[in-house]
Amino acid sequence: MQRVPKAGSTLRGLAASLAALVCVCAGTARGAEAVLDIWAAASLREPIGQLGRRFEAQSKDRKVNLVFGASSALAQQIESGAPADVFLSADDVSMDRLQANGFVKPQTRRVFASNQLVVIAARELTVPFSGPNDLLRPEVKRIALAAPEVPVGRYARQWLASRGLSEAVKARSVLLGDARAVLVSVDSGNADAGIVYATDARSAKTARIAFPVPDAEQPYIVYVGAVTVGGDQPELADEFLRLLVSPEGLAALRAAGFRPPPAASPPADAP
């Protein structure tokens, strides 16, 4: 962004500042693009990057700015006034909080995907490793988990709790910011094992999938998007969400390993 100089104490400084302002405004009027700010869960990097490029290509007068991170952290920043037009969350908890506080438009809310949890193991971990109880092997000294407020971290803890492994794994846990950070930790050998989304495991360099969490034990994992309130590009934001849930958008998600949206809401007693 071009910075407008501050007006000096002299008339010459004032004139220079006004001239600079005129130049900035003229340049904006001639060549400005409509910039759509999409804030998305880190696990969506590949398909949303692809769809963002397609969306830009539809018009020379639009640009997509992508911000990826943990859904919980992105939601906090939006609540603090961060300039997002679209929010794509890896859970409904973060979106529910924003909606309850008036930061997203409920009528634009779309559920668009699901995911699976898998347990990954470092290349150096050569002991047999094929089920949840193997997380308690003495060779598994460090288990990478996303922080509890992060969707994938919460999902992982729900599964561990259902298997009665929460306390035992907690003593070996290394807490990280999101699923990608967990993957990097296991890839690099800084952790012996970790729990990530199946879609993230596809990007592993050296880590391997030790075993997937069985379908019957998978937490209720849901991806949901909405247009934010007060964004600069509400029409473009709504258009992008329509692309996301179109056959083209769903095909991009499927190609990246995402599952279709869950057929039903979580049970009332789900954690």
C-alpha atoms as a PDB file:
ATOM      1  CA  MET A   1       0.000   0.000   0.000  1.00  0.00           C
ATOM      2  CA  GLN A   2       1.325   3.469  -0.902  1.00  0.00           C
ATOM      3  CA  ARG A   3       1.809   5.665   2.165  1.00  0.00           C
ATOM      4  CA  VAL A   4       0.679   9.306   1.980  1.00  0.00           C
ATOM      5  CA  PRO A   5       3.320  11.634   3.501  1.00  0.00           C
ATOM      6  CA  LYS A   6       2.307  13.630   6.554  1.00  0.00           C
ATOM      7  CA  ALA A   7       1.808  17.367   5.974  1.00  0.00           C
ATOM      8  CA  GLY A   8       4.831  19.405   7.051  1.00  0.00           C
ATOM      9  CA  SER A   9       4.803  22.645   8.903  1.00  0.00           C
ATOM     10  CA  THR A  10       5.527  24.602   5.734  1.00  0.00           C
ATOM     11  CA  LEU A  11       3.281  25.366   2.802  1.00  0.00           C
ATOM     12  CA  ARG A  12       5.631  23.385   0.606  1.00  0.00           C
ATOM     13  CA  GLY A  13       5.159  20.327   2.804  1.00  0.00           C
ATOM     14  CA  LEU A  14       1.387  20.756   2.734  1.00  0.00           C
ATOM     15  CA  ALA A  15       1.367  21.098  -1.042  1.00  0.00           C
ATOM     16  CA  ALA A  16       3.516  17.985  -1.418  1.00  0.00           C
ATOM     17  CA  SER A  17       1.195  16.018   0.830  1.00  0.00           C
ATOM     18  CA  LEU A  18      -1.884  17.119  -1.086  1.00  0.00           C
ATOM     19  CA  ALA A  19      -0.221  16.277  -4.381  1.00  0.00           C
ATOM     20  CA  ALA A  20       0.669  12.820  -3.118  1.00  0.00           C
ATOM     21  CA  LEU A  21      -2.909  12.283  -1.948  1.00  0.00           C
ATOM     22  CA  VAL A  22      -4.251  13.270  -5.360  1.00  0.00           C
ATOM     23  CA  CYS A  23      -1.875  10.788  -7.007  1.00  0.00           C
ATOM     24  CA  VAL A  24      -2.959   8.001  -4.713  1.00  0.00           C
ATOM     25  CA  CYS A  25      -6.648   8.694  -5.321  1.00  0.00           C
ATOM     26  CA  ALA A  26      -6.151   8.922  -9.069  1.00  0.00           C
ATOM     27  CA  GLY A  27      -4.257   5.666  -9.128  1.00  0.00           C
ATOM     28  CA  THR A  28      -6.974   4.006  -7.067  1.00  0.00           C
ATOM     29  CA  ALA A  29      -9.688   5.239  -9.394  1.00  0.00           C
ATOM     30  CA  ARG A  30      -7.834   4.017 -12.483  1.00  0.00           C
ATOM     31  CA  GLY A  31      -6.607   0.602 -11.505  1.00  0.00           C
ATOM     32  CA  ALA A  32      -8.047  -0.609  -8.209  1.00  0.00           C
ATOM     33  CA  GLU A  33      -9.124  -4.225  -7.949  1.00  0.00           C
ATOM     34  CA  ALA A  34     -11.881  -5.454  -5.685  1.00  0.00           C
ATOM     35  CA  VAL A  35      -9.988  -7.459  -3.046  1.00  0.00           C
ATOM     36  CA  LEU A  36     -11.858 -10.358  -1.437  1.00  0.00           C
ATOM     37  CA  ASP A  37     -10.360 -11.362   1.932  1.00  0.00           C
ATOM     38  CA  ILE A  38     -10.979 -15.051   2.626  1.00  0.00           C
ATOM     39  CA  TRP A  39     -10.008 -16.320   6.081  1.00  0.00           C
ATOM     40  CA  ALA A  40      -9.938 -20.103   6.181  1.00  0.00           C
ATOM     41  CA  ALA A  41      -8.945 -23.055   8.366  1.00  0.00           C
ATOM     42  CA  ALA A  42      -5.346 -24.140   7.755  1.00  0.00           C
ATOM     43  CA  SER A  43      -6.499 -27.579   6.588  1.00  0.00           C
ATOM     44  CA  LEU A  44      -8.292 -25.939   3.630  1.00  0.00           C
ATOM     45  CA  ARG A  45      -5.116 -24.474   2.122  1.00  0.00           C
ATOM     46  CA  GLU A  46      -5.013 -26.585  -1.062  1.00  0.00           C
ATOM     47  CA  PRO A  47      -8.658 -26.554  -2.229  1.00  0.00           C
ATOM     48  CA  ILE A  48      -9.336 -22.942  -1.219  1.00  0.00           C
ATOM     49  CA  GLY A  49      -6.098 -21.830  -2.854  1.00  0.00           C
ATOM     50  CA  GLN A  50      -7.231 -23.557  -6.041  1.00  0.00           C
ATOM     51  CA  LEU A  51     -10.748 -22.117  -5.904  1.00  0.00           C
ATOM     52  CA  GLY A  52      -9.373 -18.673  -5.069  1.00  0.00           C
ATOM     53  CA  ARG A  53      -7.283 -18.719  -8.245  1.00  0.00           C
ATOM     54  CA  ARG A  54     -10.306 -19.776 -10.294  1.00  0.00           C
ATOM     55  CA  PHE A  55     -12.383 -17.027  -8.731  1.00  0.00           C
ATOM     56  CA  GLU A  56      -9.743 -14.405  -9.585  1.00  0.00           C
ATOM     57  CA  ALA A  57      -9.581 -15.661 -13.170  1.00  0.00           C
ATOM     58  CA  GLN A  58     -13.283 -14.966 -13.668  1.00  0.00           C
ATOM     59  CA  SER A  59     -12.645 -11.214 -13.768  1.00  0.00           C
ATOM     60  CA  LYS A  60      -9.538  -9.052 -14.197  1.00  0.00           C
ATOM     61  CA  ASP A  61     -10.983  -6.568 -11.683  1.00  0.00           C
ATOM     62  CA  ARG A  62     -10.939  -8.890  -8.677  1.00  0.00           C
ATOM     63  CA  LYS A  63      -8.235 -10.218  -6.420  1.00  0.00           C
ATOM     64  CA  VAL A  64      -8.391 -12.835  -3.670  1.00  0.00           C
ATOM     65  CA  ASN A  65      -6.374 -12.466  -0.487  1.00  0.00           C
ATOM     66  CA  LEU A  66      -6.116 -15.722   1.470  1.00  0.00           C
ATOM     67  CA  VAL A  67      -5.371 -15.983   5.192  1.00  0.00           C
ATOM     68  CA  PHE A  68      -5.013 -19.456   6.739  1.00  0.00           C
ATOM     69  CA  GLY A  69      -4.803 -20.439  10.390  1.00  0.00           C
ATOM     70  CA  ALA A  70      -6.529 -22.220  13.234  1.00  0.00           C
ATOM     71  CA  SER A  71     -10.274 -21.519  13.028  1.00  0.00           C
ATOM     72  CA  SER A  72     -10.450 -20.481  16.677  1.00  0.00           C
ATOM     73  CA  ALA A  73      -7.627 -17.947  16.239  1.00  0.00           C
ATOM     74  CA  LEU A  74      -9.122 -16.537  13.030  1.00  0.00           C
ATOM     75  CA  ALA A  75     -12.500 -16.136  14.732  1.00  0.00           C
ATOM     76  CA  GLN A  76     -10.890 -14.201  17.585  1.00  0.00           C
ATOM     77  CA  GLN A  77      -9.216 -11.865  15.112  1.00  0.00           C
ATOM     78  CA  ILE A  78     -12.495 -11.281  13.265  1.00  0.00           C
ATOM     79  CA  GLU A  79     -14.117 -10.394  16.593  1.00  0.00           C
ATOM     80  CA  SER A  80     -11.283  -7.897  17.088  1.00  0.00           C
ATOM     81  CA  GLY A  81     -12.038  -6.189  13.775  1.00  0.00           C
ATOM     82  CA  ALA A  82      -9.771  -8.014  11.318  1.00  0.00           C
ATOM     83  CA  PRO A  83     -10.735  -7.307   7.670  1.00  0.00           C
ATOM     84  CA  ALA A  84     -12.279 -10.602   6.560  1.00  0.00           C
ATOM     85  CA  ASP A  85     -15.046 -10.921   3.955  1.00  0.00           C
ATOM     86  CA  VAL A  86     -15.494 -14.707   4.149  1.00  0.00           C
ATOM     87  CA  PHE A  87     -14.817 -17.024   7.096  1.00  0.00           C
ATOM     88  CA  LEU A  88     -14.361 -20.760   6.469  1.00  0.00           C
ATOM     89  CA  SER A  89     -14.173 -22.684   9.724  1.00  0.00           C
ATOM     90  CA  ALA A  90     -13.177 -26.282  10.476  1.00  0.00           C
ATOM     91  CA  ASP A  91     -15.886 -26.451  13.126  1.00  0.00           C
ATOM     92  CA  ASP A  92     -19.297 -25.035  13.917  1.00  0.00           C
ATOM     93  CA  VAL A  93     -18.218 -23.877  17.396  1.00  0.00           C
ATOM     94  CA  SER A  94     -16.128 -20.978  16.076  1.00  0.00           C
ATOM     95  CA  MET A  95     -18.848 -20.029  13.595  1.00  0.00           C
ATOM     96  CA  ASP A  96     -21.591 -20.274  16.231  1.00  0.00           C
ATOM     97  CA  ARG A  97     -19.684 -17.825  18.447  1.00  0.00           C
ATOM     98  CA  LEU A  98     -19.254 -15.316  15.631  1.00  0.00           C
ATOM     99  CA  GLN A  99     -22.902 -15.641  14.639  1.00  0.00           C
ATOM    100  CA  ALA A 100     -24.126 -15.212  18.226  1.00  0.00           C
ATOM    101  CA  ASN A 101     -22.077 -12.025  18.538  1.00  0.00           C
ATOM    102  CA  GLY A 102     -23.227 -10.590  15.204  1.00  0.00           C
ATOM    103  CA  PHE A 103     -20.026 -10.979  13.185  1.00  0.00           C
ATOM    104  CA  VAL A 104     -21.395 -13.160  10.341  1.00  0.00           C
ATOM    105  CA  LYS A 105     -24.581 -13.153   8.288  1.00  0.00           C
ATOM    106  CA  PRO A 106     -26.648 -16.208   9.302  1.00  0.00           C
ATOM    107  CA  GLN A 107     -28.472 -16.381   5.980  1.00  0.00           C
ATOM    108  CA  THR A 108     -25.162 -16.943   4.137  1.00  0.00           C
ATOM    109  CA  ARG A 109     -24.015 -19.817   6.337  1.00  0.00           C
ATOM    110  CA  ARG A 110     -23.089 -22.968   4.407  1.00  0.00           C
ATOM    111  CA  VAL A 111     -21.915 -26.392   5.581  1.00  0.00           C
ATOM    112  CA  PHE A 112     -19.626 -27.631   2.825  1.00  0.00           C
ATOM    113  CA  ALA A 113     -17.346 -30.500   3.931  1.00  0.00           C
ATOM    114  CA  SER A 114     -16.235 -32.994   6.526  1.00  0.00           C
ATOM    115  CA  ASN A 115     -12.939 -34.723   7.318  1.00  0.00           C
ATOM    116  CA  GLN A 116     -11.409 -37.703   9.135  1.00  0.00           C
ATOM    117  CA  LEU A 117      -8.875 -38.052  11.908  1.00  0.00           C
ATOM    118  CA  VAL A 118      -5.800 -40.214  11.386  1.00  0.00           C
ATOM    119  CA  VAL A 119      -2.868 -41.058  13.623  1.00  0.00           C
ATOM    120  CA  ILE A 120       0.500 -40.416  12.011  1.00  0.00           C
ATOM    121  CA  ALA A 121       3.904 -41.750  13.029  1.00  0.00           C
ATOM    122  CA  ALA A 122       7.433 -40.508  12.454  1.00  0.00           C
ATOM    123  CA  ARG A 123       9.640 -42.386  10.025  1.00  0.00           C
ATOM    124  CA  GLU A 124      12.047 -43.179  12.860  1.00  0.00           C
ATOM    125  CA  LEU A 125       9.326 -44.950  14.841  1.00  0.00           C
ATOM    126  CA  THR A 126       9.769 -48.523  13.643  1.00  0.00           C
ATOM    127  CA  VAL A 127       7.814 -50.422  16.326  1.00  0.00           C
ATOM    128  CA  PRO A 128       4.459 -51.961  15.326  1.00  0.00           C
ATOM    129  CA  PHE A 129       1.874 -49.202  15.467  1.00  0.00           C
ATOM    130  CA  SER A 130      -1.630 -50.001  14.310  1.00  0.00           C
ATOM    131  CA  GLY A 131      -4.140 -49.102  17.013  1.00  0.00           C
ATOM    132  CA  PRO A 132      -4.911 -46.578  19.744  1.00  0.00           C
ATOM    133  CA  ASN A 133      -3.254 -48.529  22.553  1.00  0.00           C
ATOM    134  CA  ASP A 134       0.039 -48.309  20.648  1.00  0.00           C
ATOM    135  CA  LEU A 135       0.090 -44.621  21.614  1.00  0.00           C
ATOM    136  CA  LEU A 136       1.047 -45.867  25.085  1.00  0.00           C
ATOM    137  CA  ARG A 137       4.121 -47.793  23.936  1.00  0.00           C
ATOM    138  CA  PRO A 138       7.280 -46.657  25.747  1.00  0.00           C
ATOM    139  CA  GLU A 139       8.878 -45.825  22.390  1.00  0.00           C
ATOM    140  CA  VAL A 140       6.193 -43.175  21.780  1.00  0.00           C
ATOM    141  CA  LYS A 141       7.593 -40.441  24.005  1.00  0.00           C
ATOM    142  CA  ARG A 142       6.160 -37.337  22.303  1.00  0.00           C
ATOM    143  CA  ILE A 143       2.657 -37.105  20.810  1.00  0.00           C
ATOM    144  CA  ALA A 144       1.887 -33.937  18.851  1.00  0.00           C
ATOM    145  CA  LEU A 145      -1.609 -32.514  19.322  1.00  0.00           C
ATOM    146  CA  ALA A 146      -3.159 -29.223  18.301  1.00  0.00           C
ATOM    147  CA  ALA A 147      -4.142 -27.024  21.247  1.00  0.00           C
ATOM    148  CA  PRO A 148      -7.538 -27.837  22.812  1.00  0.00           C
ATOM    149  CA  GLU A 149      -9.210 -24.662  21.526  1.00  0.00           C
ATOM    150  CA  VAL A 150      -8.242 -25.540  17.924  1.00  0.00           C
ATOM    151  CA  PRO A 151     -10.881 -27.669  16.130  1.00  0.00           C
ATOM    152  CA  VAL A 152      -8.583 -30.577  15.254  1.00  0.00           C
ATOM    153  CA  GLY A 153      -7.187 -30.494  18.799  1.00  0.00           C
ATOM    154  CA  ARG A 154     -10.693 -30.670  20.250  1.00  0.00           C
ATOM    155  CA  TYR A 155     -11.690 -33.465  17.847  1.00  0.00           C
ATOM    156  CA  ALA A 156      -8.555 -35.437  18.785  1.00  0.00           C
ATOM    157  CA  ARG A 157      -9.311 -35.119  22.485  1.00  0.00           C
ATOM    158  CA  GLN A 158     -12.907 -36.236  21.946  1.00  0.00           C
ATOM    159  CA  TRP A 159     -11.640 -39.398  20.296  1.00  0.00           C
ATOM    160  CA  LEU A 160      -8.944 -40.024  22.916  1.00  0.00           C
ATOM    161  CA  ALA A 161     -11.538 -39.577  25.672  1.00  0.00           C
ATOM    162  CA  SER A 162     -13.846 -42.092  23.985  1.00  0.00           C
ATOM    163  CA  ARG A 163     -10.992 -44.614  24.118  1.00  0.00           C
ATOM    164  CA  GLY A 164     -10.059 -43.830  27.714  1.00  0.00           C
ATOM    165  CA  LEU A 165      -6.634 -42.518  26.689  1.00  0.00           C
ATOM    166  CA  SER A 166      -6.879 -38.832  27.588  1.00  0.00           C
ATOM    167  CA  GLU A 167      -4.769 -38.774  30.727  1.00  0.00           C
ATOM    168  CA  ALA A 168      -2.126 -41.193  29.497  1.00  0.00           C
ATOM    169  CA  VAL A 169      -1.621 -39.267  26.260  1.00  0.00           C
ATOM    170  CA  LYS A 170      -1.715 -35.885  28.000  1.00  0.00           C
ATOM    171  CA  ALA A 171       1.521 -36.689  29.842  1.00  0.00           C
ATOM    172  CA  ARG A 172       3.286 -37.176  26.488  1.00  0.00           C
ATOM    173  CA  SER A 173       1.599 -34.353  24.574  1.00  0.00           C
ATOM    174  CA  VAL A 174       3.366 -31.600  22.655  1.00  0.00           C
ATOM    175  CA  LEU A 175       0.861 -28.771  22.014  1.00  0.00           C
ATOM    176  CA  LEU A 176       0.922 -26.987  18.660  1.00  0.00           C
ATOM    177  CA  GLY A 177      -1.088 -24.337  16.828  1.00  0.00           C
ATOM    178  CA  ASP A 178      -2.936 -26.362  14.172  1.00  0.00           C
ATOM    179  CA  ALA A 179      -2.966 -29.651  12.262  1.00  0.00           C
ATOM    180  CA  ARG A 180      -0.274 -28.499   9.842  1.00  0.00           C
ATOM    181  CA  ALA A 181       2.046 -27.717  12.740  1.00  0.00           C
ATOM    182  CA  VAL A 182       1.378 -31.199  14.131  1.00  0.00           C
ATOM    183  CA  LEU A 183       2.261 -32.700  10.753  1.00  0.00           C
ATOM    184  CA  VAL A 184       5.500 -30.705  10.538  1.00  0.00           C
ATOM    185  CA  SER A 185       6.464 -31.799  14.041  1.00  0.00           C
ATOM    186  CA  VAL A 186       6.073 -35.483  13.172  1.00  0.00           C
ATOM    187  CA  ASP A 187       7.640 -35.010   9.728  1.00  0.00           C
ATOM    188  CA  SER A 188      10.728 -33.496  11.321  1.00  0.00           C
ATOM    189  CA  GLY A 189      11.013 -36.167  14.005  1.00  0.00           C
ATOM    190  CA  ASN A 190      10.358 -33.706  16.832  1.00  0.00           C
ATOM    191  CA  ALA A 191       7.352 -35.840  17.770  1.00  0.00           C
ATOM    192  CA  ASP A 192       6.954 -39.596  17.476  1.00  0.00           C
ATOM    193  CA  ALA A 193       3.256 -39.515  16.629  1.00  0.00           C
ATOM    194  CA  GLY A 194       0.394 -37.093  16.138  1.00  0.00           C
ATOM    195  CA  ILE A 195      -3.302 -36.800  15.343  1.00  0.00           C
ATOM    196  CA  VAL A 196      -4.244 -34.821  12.243  1.00  0.00           C
ATOM    197  CA  TYR A 197      -6.874 -34.640   9.524  1.00  0.00           C
ATOM    198  CA  ALA A 198      -6.599 -37.213   6.755  1.00  0.00           C
ATOM    199  CA  THR A 199      -6.336 -34.338   4.274  1.00  0.00           C
ATOM    200  CA  ASP A 200      -3.269 -32.940   6.045  1.00  0.00           C
ATOM    201  CA  ALA A 201      -1.600 -36.350   6.180  1.00  0.00           C
ATOM    202  CA  ARG A 202      -1.602 -36.368   2.380  1.00  0.00           C
ATOM    203  CA  SER A 203       1.040 -33.620   2.529  1.00  0.00           C
ATOM    204  CA  ALA A 204       3.429 -35.584   4.746  1.00  0.00           C
ATOM    205  CA  LYS A 205       7.062 -35.635   3.646  1.00  0.00           C
ATOM    206  CA  THR A 206       8.359 -38.450   5.844  1.00  0.00           C
ATOM    207  CA  ALA A 207       5.590 -39.210   8.348  1.00  0.00           C
ATOM    208  CA  ARG A 208       3.270 -42.105   7.624  1.00  0.00           C
ATOM    209  CA  ILE A 209      -0.348 -42.831   8.491  1.00  0.00           C
ATOM    210  CA  ALA A 210      -0.126 -45.382  11.282  1.00  0.00           C
ATOM    211  CA  PHE A 211      -3.881 -45.977  11.271  1.00  0.00           C
ATOM    212  CA  PRO A 212      -7.102 -44.064  10.590  1.00  0.00           C
ATOM    213  CA  VAL A 213      -9.596 -43.523  13.366  1.00  0.00           C
ATOM    214  CA  PRO A 214     -12.428 -45.979  12.536  1.00  0.00           C
ATOM    215  CA  ASP A 215     -15.535 -44.421  11.023  1.00  0.00           C
ATOM    216  CA  ALA A 216     -17.642 -45.468  14.010  1.00  0.00           C
ATOM    217  CA  GLU A 217     -15.276 -43.542  16.327  1.00  0.00           C
ATOM    218  CA  GLN A 218     -14.878 -40.377  14.252  1.00  0.00           C
ATOM    219  CA  PRO A 219     -15.997 -37.154  15.988  1.00  0.00           C
ATOM    220  CA  TYR A 220     -18.564 -34.930  14.322  1.00  0.00           C
ATOM    221  CA  ILE A 221     -16.236 -32.947  12.016  1.00  0.00           C
ATOM    222  CA  VAL A 222     -17.863 -30.194   9.994  1.00  0.00           C
ATOM    223  CA  TYR A 223     -16.611 -27.326   7.828  1.00  0.00           C
ATOM    224  CA  VAL A 224     -18.841 -24.271   7.608  1.00  0.00           C
ATOM    225  CA  GLY A 225     -18.524 -20.911   5.836  1.00  0.00           C
ATOM    226  CA  ALA A 226     -20.277 -17.564   6.007  1.00  0.00           C
ATOM    227  CA  VAL A 227     -20.045 -13.957   4.858  1.00  0.00           C
ATOM    228  CA  THR A 228     -18.859 -11.626   7.592  1.00  0.00           C
ATOM    229  CA  VAL A 229     -20.736  -8.536   8.711  1.00  0.00           C
ATOM    230  CA  GLY A 230     -19.018  -5.297   7.762  1.00  0.00           C
ATOM    231  CA  GLY A 231     -16.734  -6.773   5.093  1.00  0.00           C
ATOM    232  CA  ASP A 232     -15.814  -4.605   2.118  1.00  0.00           C
ATOM    233  CA  GLN A 233     -16.993  -7.086  -0.538  1.00  0.00           C
ATOM    234  CA  PRO A 234     -20.297  -8.681   0.533  1.00  0.00           C
ATOM    235  CA  GLU A 235     -21.425  -9.446  -3.020  1.00  0.00           C
ATOM    236  CA  LEU A 236     -18.132 -11.079  -3.992  1.00  0.00           C
ATOM    237  CA  ALA A 237     -18.103 -12.947  -0.691  1.00  0.00           C
ATOM    238  CA  ASP A 238     -21.531 -14.405  -1.380  1.00  0.00           C
ATOM    239  CA  GLU A 239     -20.473 -15.275  -4.929  1.00  0.00           C
ATOM    240  CA  PHE A 240     -17.414 -17.141  -3.634  1.00  0.00           C
ATOM    241  CA  LEU A 241     -19.522 -19.146  -1.177  1.00  0.00           C
ATOM    242  CA  ARG A 242     -21.805 -20.133  -4.040  1.00  0.00           C
ATOM    243  CA  LEU A 243     -18.734 -21.327  -5.961  1.00  0.00           C
ATOM    244  CA  LEU A 244     -17.582 -23.283  -2.902  1.00  0.00           C
ATOM    245  CA  VAL A 245     -20.816 -25.299  -2.671  1.00  0.00           C
ATOM    246  CA  SER A 246     -21.233 -25.643  -6.435  1.00  0.00           C
ATOM    247  CA  PRO A 247     -20.362 -28.941  -8.192  1.00  0.00           C
ATOM    248  CA  GLU A 248     -17.025 -27.371  -9.159  1.00  0.00           C
ATOM    249  CA  GLY A 249     -16.234 -26.369  -5.600  1.00  0.00           C
ATOM    250  CA  LEU A 250     -17.295 -29.693  -4.101  1.00  0.00           C
ATOM    251  CA  ALA A 251     -15.187 -31.514  -6.716  1.00  0.00           C
ATOM    252  CA  ALA A 252     -12.122 -29.500  -5.657  1.00  0.00           C
ATOM    253  CA  LEU A 253     -12.751 -30.419  -2.022  1.00  0.00           C
ATOM    254  CA  ARG A 254     -13.240 -34.068  -2.896  1.00  0.00           C
ATOM    255  CA  ALA A 255     -10.025 -34.122  -4.931  1.00  0.00           C
ATOM    256  CA  ALA A 256      -8.187 -32.754  -1.878  1.00  0.00           C
ATOM    257  CA  GLY A 257      -9.497 -35.639   0.227  1.00  0.00           C
ATOM    258  CA  PHE A 258     -12.391 -33.947   2.013  1.00  0.00           C
ATOM    259  CA  ARG A 259     -15.599 -35.817   2.640  1.00  0.00           C
ATOM    260  CA  PRO A 260     -19.130 -34.599   1.926  1.00  0.00           C
ATOM    261  CA  PRO A 261     -20.833 -32.641   4.700  1.00  0.00           C
ATOM    262  CA  PRO A 262     -22.203 -34.753   7.564  1.00  0.00           C
ATOM    263  CA  ALA A 263     -25.739 -35.939   6.988  1.00  0.00           C
ATOM    264  CA  ALA A 264     -26.915 -35.014  10.469  1.00  0.00           C
ATOM    265  CA  SER A 265     -26.157 -32.797  13.429  1.00  0.00           C
ATOM    266  CA  PRO A 266     -24.121 -34.173  16.342  1.00  0.00           C
ATOM    267  CA  PRO A 267     -25.987 -35.943  19.123  1.00  0.00           C
ATOM    268  CA  ALA A 268     -27.210 -33.685  21.919  1.00  0.00           C
ATOM    269  CA  ASP A 269     -24.717 -35.165  24.388  1.00  0.00           C
ATOM    270  CA  ALA A 270     -21.693 -34.758  22.095  1.00  0.00           C
ATOM    271  CA  PRO A 271     -18.806 -32.936  23.793  1.00  0.00           C
END
